[in-house]
Amino acid sequence: MRSQTEPFIGCLPRYPSSIFSSFHLRRRLTISNLAFCEWVVLAAIANSVVQWANSIALSR
């Protein structure tokens, strides 16, 4: 899961701490004001979570 999101972290040079803190800092802005790169990161996180859930469901 971490290896999937690592390539996208370079997309956020303004927030070196973490992806979640960058979203936390901008949570008051509207959706249209969010940078496209941040949406790519959030989509990658959601995709990795879905794949992780699917792998657990298939292993049972």
C-alpha atoms as a PDB file:
ATOM      1  CA  MET A   1       0.000   0.000   0.000  1.00  0.00           C
ATOM      2  CA  ARG A   2       2.840   2.365   0.810  1.00  0.00           C
ATOM      3  CA  SER A   3       4.660   1.594  -2.425  1.00  0.00           C
ATOM      4  CA  GLN A   4       1.555   2.630  -4.397  1.00  0.00           C
ATOM      5  CA  THR A   5       1.334   6.071  -2.793  1.00  0.00           C
ATOM      6  CA  GLU A   6       5.060   6.860  -2.713  1.00  0.00           C
ATOM      7  CA  PRO A   7       5.260   8.085  -6.335  1.00  0.00           C
ATOM      8  CA  PHE A   8       2.484  10.589  -5.595  1.00  0.00           C
ATOM      9  CA  ILE A   9       4.157  12.076  -2.516  1.00  0.00           C
ATOM     10  CA  GLY A  10       6.617  13.948  -4.748  1.00  0.00           C
ATOM     11  CA  CYS A  11       3.556  15.726  -6.090  1.00  0.00           C
ATOM     12  CA  LEU A  12       3.220  17.684  -2.843  1.00  0.00           C
ATOM     13  CA  PRO A  13       6.426  19.685  -2.293  1.00  0.00           C
ATOM     14  CA  ARG A  14       4.461  22.333  -0.396  1.00  0.00           C
ATOM     15  CA  TYR A  15       3.540  19.859   2.350  1.00  0.00           C
ATOM     16  CA  PRO A  16       6.591  17.761   3.263  1.00  0.00           C
ATOM     17  CA  SER A  17       5.039  16.398   6.456  1.00  0.00           C
ATOM     18  CA  SER A  18       2.343  14.091   5.078  1.00  0.00           C
ATOM     19  CA  ILE A  19      -0.550  13.766   2.674  1.00  0.00           C
ATOM     20  CA  PHE A  20      -3.127  13.830   5.445  1.00  0.00           C
ATOM     21  CA  SER A  21      -1.781  17.050   6.963  1.00  0.00           C
ATOM     22  CA  SER A  22      -1.965  18.739   3.563  1.00  0.00           C
ATOM     23  CA  PHE A  23      -5.614  17.728   3.242  1.00  0.00           C
ATOM     24  CA  HIS A  24      -6.222  18.836   6.839  1.00  0.00           C
ATOM     25  CA  LEU A  25      -4.781  22.276   6.135  1.00  0.00           C
ATOM     26  CA  ARG A  26      -6.989  22.746   3.091  1.00  0.00           C
ATOM     27  CA  ARG A  27     -10.179  21.141   4.370  1.00  0.00           C
ATOM     28  CA  ARG A  28     -11.896  24.539   4.632  1.00  0.00           C
ATOM     29  CA  LEU A  29     -11.438  25.236   0.932  1.00  0.00           C
ATOM     30  CA  THR A  30     -14.032  24.201  -1.598  1.00  0.00           C
ATOM     31  CA  ILE A  31     -13.586  21.225  -3.892  1.00  0.00           C
ATOM     32  CA  SER A  32     -12.853  23.484  -6.869  1.00  0.00           C
ATOM     33  CA  ASN A  33      -9.974  25.101  -4.976  1.00  0.00           C
ATOM     34  CA  LEU A  34      -8.217  21.800  -4.286  1.00  0.00           C
ATOM     35  CA  ALA A  35      -5.212  21.194  -6.482  1.00  0.00           C
ATOM     36  CA  PHE A  36      -5.550  18.426  -9.049  1.00  0.00           C
ATOM     37  CA  CYS A  37      -2.458  16.769  -7.654  1.00  0.00           C
ATOM     38  CA  GLU A  38      -4.071  16.419  -4.234  1.00  0.00           C
ATOM     39  CA  TRP A  39      -7.084  14.732  -5.803  1.00  0.00           C
ATOM     40  CA  VAL A  40      -4.705  12.287  -7.523  1.00  0.00           C
ATOM     41  CA  VAL A  41      -3.156  11.485  -4.141  1.00  0.00           C
ATOM     42  CA  LEU A  42      -6.545  11.021  -2.480  1.00  0.00           C
ATOM     43  CA  ALA A  43      -7.682   8.798  -5.344  1.00  0.00           C
ATOM     44  CA  ALA A  44      -4.527   6.698  -5.024  1.00  0.00           C
ATOM     45  CA  ILE A  45      -5.129   6.279  -1.283  1.00  0.00           C
ATOM     46  CA  ALA A  46      -8.762   5.293  -1.843  1.00  0.00           C
ATOM     47  CA  ASN A  47      -7.743   2.848  -4.573  1.00  0.00           C
ATOM     48  CA  SER A  48      -5.125   1.202  -2.373  1.00  0.00           C
ATOM     49  CA  VAL A  49      -7.650   0.875   0.477  1.00  0.00           C
ATOM     50  CA  VAL A  50     -10.153  -0.777  -1.863  1.00  0.00           C
ATOM     51  CA  GLN A  51      -7.512  -3.197  -3.159  1.00  0.00           C
ATOM     52  CA  TRP A  52      -6.492  -3.999   0.432  1.00  0.00           C
ATOM     53  CA  ALA A  53     -10.104  -4.706   1.386  1.00  0.00           C
ATOM     54  CA  ASN A  54     -10.575  -6.887  -1.680  1.00  0.00           C
ATOM     55  CA  SER A  55      -7.467  -8.916  -0.895  1.00  0.00           C
ATOM     56  CA  ILE A  56      -8.752  -9.572   2.629  1.00  0.00           C
ATOM     57  CA  ALA A  57     -12.178 -10.591   1.300  1.00  0.00           C
ATOM     58  CA  LEU A  58     -10.613 -12.973  -1.220  1.00  0.00           C
ATOM     59  CA  SER A  59      -8.310 -14.551   1.359  1.00  0.00           C
ATOM     60  CA  ARG A  60     -11.235 -15.610   3.537  1.00  0.00           C
END
